[in-house]
PDB file of N, CA and C in Angstrom:
ATOM      1  N   MET A   1     108.386  98.930  71.094  1.00  0.00           N
ATOM      2  CA  MET A   1     109.451  99.239  72.027  1.00  0.00           C
ATOM      3  C   MET A   1     110.420  98.062  72.042  1.00  0.00           C
ATOM      4  N   ASN A   2     111.691  98.370  71.888  1.00  0.00           N
ATOM      5  CA  ASN A   2     112.671  97.288  71.934  1.00  0.00           C
ATOM      6  C   ASN A   2     113.048  96.982  73.386  1.00  0.00           C
ATOM      7  N   SER A   3     113.886  95.975  73.582  1.00  0.00           N
ATOM      8  CA  SER A   3     114.195  95.529  74.946  1.00  0.00           C
ATOM      9  C   SER A   3     114.940  96.598  75.749  1.00  0.00           C
ATOM     10  N   THR A   4     115.783  97.379  75.101  1.00  0.00           N
ATOM     11  CA  THR A   4     116.493  98.453  75.810  1.00  0.00           C
ATOM     12  C   THR A   4     115.516  99.540  76.256  1.00  0.00           C
ATOM     13  N   GLU A   5     114.595  99.895  75.385  1.00  0.00           N
ATOM     14  CA  GLU A   5     113.590 100.902  75.729  1.00  0.00           C
ATOM     15  C   GLU A   5     112.669 100.395  76.841  1.00  0.00           C
ATOM     16  N   LEU A   6     112.297  99.127  76.758  1.00  0.00           N
ATOM     17  CA  LEU A   6     111.454  98.535  77.796  1.00  0.00           C
ATOM     18  C   LEU A   6     112.166  98.551  79.143  1.00  0.00           C
ATOM     19  N   ASP A   7     113.448  98.231  79.139  1.00  0.00           N
ATOM     20  CA  ASP A   7     114.237  98.266  80.366  1.00  0.00           C
ATOM     21  C   ASP A   7     114.327  99.690  80.924  1.00  0.00           C
ATOM     22  N   THR A   8     114.496 100.665  80.046  1.00  0.00           N
ATOM     23  CA  THR A   8     114.541 102.066  80.478  1.00  0.00           C
ATOM     24  C   THR A   8     113.217 102.480  81.105  1.00  0.00           C
ATOM     25  N   ALA A   9     112.108 102.089  80.477  1.00  0.00           N
ATOM     26  CA  ALA A   9     110.790 102.425  81.009  1.00  0.00           C
ATOM     27  C   ALA A   9     110.546 101.737  82.357  1.00  0.00           C
ATOM     28  N   TYR A  10     110.937 100.480  82.466  1.00  0.00           N
ATOM     29  CA  TYR A  10     110.773  99.732  83.713  1.00  0.00           C
ATOM     30  C   TYR A  10     111.585 100.375  84.840  1.00  0.00           C
ATOM     31  N   THR A  11     112.799 100.776  84.513  1.00  0.00           N
ATOM     32  CA  THR A  11     113.658 101.423  85.511  1.00  0.00           C
ATOM     33  C   THR A  11     113.053 102.758  85.950  1.00  0.00           C
ATOM     34  N   ALA A  12     112.546 103.533  85.001  1.00  0.00           N
ATOM     35  CA  ALA A  12     111.902 104.804  85.339  1.00  0.00           C
ATOM     36  C   ALA A  12     110.694 104.576  86.230  1.00  0.00           C
ATOM     37  N   LEU A  13     109.912 103.532  85.938  1.00  0.00           N
ATOM     38  CA  LEU A  13     108.758 103.195  86.766  1.00  0.00           C
ATOM     39  C   LEU A  13     109.196 102.821  88.178  1.00  0.00           C
ATOM     40  N   ALA A  14     110.234 102.013  88.293  1.00  0.00           N
ATOM     41  CA  ALA A  14     110.728 101.609  89.604  1.00  0.00           C
ATOM     42  C   ALA A  14     111.186 102.812  90.417  1.00  0.00           C
ATOM     43  N   HIS A  15     111.869 103.738  89.766  1.00  0.00           N
ATOM     44  CA  HIS A  15     112.320 104.946  90.464  1.00  0.00           C
ATOM     45  C   HIS A  15     111.134 105.817  90.888  1.00  0.00           C
ATOM     46  N   ALA A  16     110.152 105.941  90.012  1.00  0.00           N
ATOM     47  CA  ALA A  16     108.965 106.732  90.344  1.00  0.00           C
ATOM     48  C   ALA A  16     108.217 106.118  91.526  1.00  0.00           C
ATOM     49  N   LEU A  17     108.096 104.798  91.542  1.00  0.00           N
ATOM     50  CA  LEU A  17     107.428 104.130  92.664  1.00  0.00           C
ATOM     51  C   LEU A  17     108.180 104.369  93.972  1.00  0.00           C
ATOM     52  N   THR A  18     109.485 104.374  93.902  1.00  0.00           N
ATOM     53  CA  THR A  18     110.284 104.663  95.092  1.00  0.00           C
ATOM     54  C   THR A  18     110.036 106.087  95.572  1.00  0.00           C
ATOM     55  N   ARG A  19     109.981 107.028  94.624  1.00  0.00           N
ATOM     56  CA  ARG A  19     109.766 108.429  94.994  1.00  0.00           C
ATOM     57  C   ARG A  19     108.389 108.668  95.598  1.00  0.00           C
ATOM     58  N   VAL A  20     107.336 108.034  95.048  1.00  0.00           N
ATOM     59  CA  VAL A  20     105.995 108.282  95.586  1.00  0.00           C
ATOM     60  C   VAL A  20     105.758 107.536  96.891  1.00  0.00           C
ATOM     61  N   GLY A  21     106.508 106.482  97.121  1.00  0.00           N
ATOM     62  CA  GLY A  21     106.388 105.733  98.371  1.00  0.00           C
ATOM     63  C   GLY A  21     105.335 104.641  98.296  1.00  0.00           C
ATOM     64  N   GLN A  22     105.476 103.687  99.195  1.00  0.00           N
ATOM     65  CA  GLN A  22     104.615 102.507  99.193  1.00  0.00           C
ATOM     66  C   GLN A  22     103.137 102.864  99.393  1.00  0.00           C
ATOM     67  N   ALA A  23     102.868 103.811 100.254  1.00  0.00           N
ATOM     68  CA  ALA A  23     101.470 104.162 100.547  1.00  0.00           C
ATOM     69  C   ALA A  23     100.752 104.754  99.336  1.00  0.00           C
ATOM     70  N   GLN A  24     101.478 105.491  98.496  1.00  0.00           N
ATOM     71  CA  GLN A  24     100.870 106.135  97.329  1.00  0.00           C
ATOM     72  C   GLN A  24     101.013 105.325  96.039  1.00  0.00           C
ATOM     73  N   SER A  25     101.728 104.212  96.107  1.00  0.00           N
ATOM     74  CA  SER A  25     101.970 103.406  94.905  1.00  0.00           C
ATOM     75  C   SER A  25     100.690 102.912  94.221  1.00  0.00           C
ATOM     76  N   PRO A  26      99.684 102.402  94.963  1.00  0.00           N
ATOM     77  CA  PRO A  26      98.469 101.955  94.269  1.00  0.00           C
ATOM     78  C   PRO A  26      97.778 103.076  93.485  1.00  0.00           C
ATOM     79  N   LEU A  27      97.699 104.264  94.071  1.00  0.00           N
ATOM     80  CA  LEU A  27      97.082 105.393  93.377  1.00  0.00           C
ATOM     81  C   LEU A  27      97.913 105.787  92.159  1.00  0.00           C
ATOM     82  N   PHE A  28      99.228 105.841  92.331  1.00  0.00           N
ATOM     83  CA  PHE A  28     100.121 106.172  91.222  1.00  0.00           C
ATOM     84  C   PHE A  28      99.944 105.179  90.072  1.00  0.00           C
ATOM     85  N   LEU A  29      99.938 103.884  90.390  1.00  0.00           N
ATOM     86  CA  LEU A  29      99.798 102.865  89.344  1.00  0.00           C
ATOM     87  C   LEU A  29      98.436 102.941  88.670  1.00  0.00           C
ATOM     88  N   SER A  30      97.389 103.231  89.430  1.00  0.00           N
ATOM     89  CA  SER A  30      96.051 103.392  88.840  1.00  0.00           C
ATOM     90  C   SER A  30      96.030 104.558  87.866  1.00  0.00           C
ATOM     91  N   MET A  31      96.617 105.678  88.274  1.00  0.00           N
ATOM     92  CA  MET A  31      96.656 106.853  87.404  1.00  0.00           C
ATOM     93  C   MET A  31      97.469 106.579  86.146  1.00  0.00           C
ATOM     94  N   LEU A  32      98.582 105.887  86.292  1.00  0.00           N
ATOM     95  CA  LEU A  32      99.410 105.543  85.146  1.00  0.00           C
ATOM     96  C   LEU A  32      98.657 104.620  84.190  1.00  0.00           C
ATOM     97  N   CYS A  33      97.994 103.614  84.742  1.00  0.00           N
ATOM     98  CA  CYS A  33      97.236 102.678  83.900  1.00  0.00           C
ATOM     99  C   CYS A  33      96.128 103.390  83.134  1.00  0.00           C
ATOM    100  N   LEU A  34      95.397 104.275  83.802  1.00  0.00           N
ATOM    101  CA  LEU A  34      94.335 105.023  83.112  1.00  0.00           C
ATOM    102  C   LEU A  34      94.914 105.881  81.991  1.00  0.00           C
ATOM    103  N   SER A  35      96.047 106.504  82.248  1.00  0.00           N
ATOM    104  CA  SER A  35      96.685 107.325  81.228  1.00  0.00           C
ATOM    105  C   SER A  35      97.119 106.482  80.029  1.00  0.00           C
ATOM    106  N   LEU A  36      97.728 105.335  80.300  1.00  0.00           N
ATOM    107  CA  LEU A  36      98.165 104.453  79.209  1.00  0.00           C
ATOM    108  C   LEU A  36      96.980 103.873  78.444  1.00  0.00           C
ATOM    109  N   MET A  37      95.919 103.480  79.169  1.00  0.00           N
ATOM    110  CA  MET A  37      94.731 102.925  78.503  1.00  0.00           C
ATOM    111  C   MET A  37      94.083 103.962  77.590  1.00  0.00           C
ATOM    112  N   SER A  38      94.089 105.221  78.007  1.00  0.00           N
ATOM    113  CA  SER A  38      93.445 106.259  77.201  1.00  0.00           C
ATOM    114  C   SER A  38      94.172 106.492  75.881  1.00  0.00           C
ATOM    115  N   ARG A  39      95.409 106.016  75.785  1.00  0.00           N
ATOM    116  CA  ARG A  39      96.187 106.177  74.560  1.00  0.00           C
ATOM    117  C   ARG A  39      96.053 104.979  73.616  1.00  0.00           C
ATOM    118  N   ASN A  40      95.339 103.949  74.042  1.00  0.00           N
ATOM    119  CA  ASN A  40      95.139 102.764  73.207  1.00  0.00           C
ATOM    120  C   ASN A  40      93.706 102.791  72.682  1.00  0.00           C
ATOM    121  N   PRO A  41      93.526 102.918  71.384  1.00  0.00           N
ATOM    122  CA  PRO A  41      92.182 103.034  70.828  1.00  0.00           C
ATOM    123  C   PRO A  41      91.415 101.706  70.764  1.00  0.00           C
ATOM    124  N   ASP A  42      92.064 100.596  71.083  1.00  0.00           N
ATOM    125  CA  ASP A  42      91.452  99.279  70.923  1.00  0.00           C
ATOM    126  C   ASP A  42      90.992  98.720  72.271  1.00  0.00           C
ATOM    127  N   LEU A  43      89.692  98.793  72.545  1.00  0.00           N
ATOM    128  CA  LEU A  43      89.144  98.309  73.815  1.00  0.00           C
ATOM    129  C   LEU A  43      89.435  96.831  74.015  1.00  0.00           C
ATOM    130  N   GLY A  44      89.319  96.035  72.968  1.00  0.00           N
ATOM    131  CA  GLY A  44      89.580  94.603  73.088  1.00  0.00           C
ATOM    132  C   GLY A  44      91.002  94.323  73.541  1.00  0.00           C
ATOM    133  N   GLN A  45      91.946  95.088  73.034  1.00  0.00           N
ATOM    134  CA  GLN A  45      93.340  94.923  73.418  1.00  0.00           C
ATOM    135  C   GLN A  45      93.543  95.306  74.890  1.00  0.00           C
ATOM    136  N   VAL A  46      92.924  96.392  75.306  1.00  0.00           N
ATOM    137  CA  VAL A  46      93.032  96.819  76.706  1.00  0.00           C
ATOM    138  C   VAL A  46      92.437  95.761  77.635  1.00  0.00           C
ATOM    139  N   LEU A  47      91.274  95.249  77.294  1.00  0.00           N
ATOM    140  CA  LEU A  47      90.635  94.222  78.136  1.00  0.00           C
ATOM    141  C   LEU A  47      91.477  92.949  78.187  1.00  0.00           C
ATOM    142  N   ALA A  48      92.088  92.589  77.066  1.00  0.00           N
ATOM    143  CA  ALA A  48      92.956  91.405  77.038  1.00  0.00           C
ATOM    144  C   ALA A  48      94.183  91.607  77.931  1.00  0.00           C
ATOM    145  N   LEU A  49      94.742  92.809  77.933  1.00  0.00           N
ATOM    146  CA  LEU A  49      95.893  93.089  78.783  1.00  0.00           C
ATOM    147  C   LEU A  49      95.516  93.054  80.267  1.00  0.00           C
ATOM    148  N   ILE A  50      94.341  93.554  80.593  1.00  0.00           N
ATOM    149  CA  ILE A  50      93.867  93.483  81.985  1.00  0.00           C
ATOM    150  C   ILE A  50      93.731  92.030  82.409  1.00  0.00           C
ATOM    151  N   GLU A  51      93.123  91.220  81.554  1.00  0.00           N
ATOM    152  CA  GLU A  51      92.954  89.794  81.853  1.00  0.00           C
ATOM    153  C   GLU A  51      94.306  89.093  81.988  1.00  0.00           C
ATOM    154  N   GLN A  52      95.230  89.425  81.109  1.00  0.00           N
ATOM    155  CA  GLN A  52      96.560  88.825  81.159  1.00  0.00           C
ATOM    156  C   GLN A  52      97.261  89.171  82.472  1.00  0.00           C
ATOM    157  N   ALA A  53      97.192  90.417  82.886  1.00  0.00           N
ATOM    158  CA  ALA A  53      97.841  90.838  84.128  1.00  0.00           C
ATOM    159  C   ALA A  53      97.199  90.154  85.317  1.00  0.00           C
ATOM    160  N   GLU A  54      95.883  90.026  85.300  1.00  0.00           N
ATOM    161  CA  GLU A  54      95.183  89.353  86.404  1.00  0.00           C
ATOM    162  C   GLU A  54      95.567  87.885  86.468  1.00  0.00           C
ATOM    163  N   THR A  55      95.655  87.238  85.323  1.00  0.00           N
ATOM    164  CA  THR A  55      96.025  85.826  85.271  1.00  0.00           C
ATOM    165  C   THR A  55      97.455  85.627  85.775  1.00  0.00           C
ATOM    166  N   GLN A  56      98.367  86.481  85.361  1.00  0.00           N
ATOM    167  CA  GLN A  56      99.761  86.376  85.806  1.00  0.00           C
ATOM    168  C   GLN A  56      99.886  86.640  87.302  1.00  0.00           C
ATOM    169  N   HIS A  57      99.066  87.545  87.805  1.00  0.00           N
ATOM    170  CA  HIS A  57      99.110  87.872  89.243  1.00  0.00           C
ATOM    171  C   HIS A  57      98.603  86.693  90.079  1.00  0.00           C
ATOM    172  N   SER A  58      97.627  85.967  89.550  1.00  0.00           N
ATOM    173  CA  SER A  58      97.010  84.845  90.277  1.00  0.00           C
ATOM    174  C   SER A  58      97.872  83.595  90.257  1.00  0.00           C
ATOM    175  N   ALA A  59      98.792  83.527  89.311  1.00  0.00           N
ATOM    176  CA  ALA A  59      99.602  82.317  89.145  1.00  0.00           C
ATOM    177  C   ALA A  59     100.634  82.141  90.243  1.00  0.00           C
TER     178      ALA A  59
END
């Protein structure tokens, strides 16, 4: 995905989060993550991305 496509996806995500509302955002994000993970055949890559997100969140 190039930077323009990434920006488009990020914007779509932001709009979707606004539509579902703050209370439903955690469930929405969990469902989205499960859907995206199911499309990646590499478990090691998925686990590395989870670790990366956790590390960035803790920083």
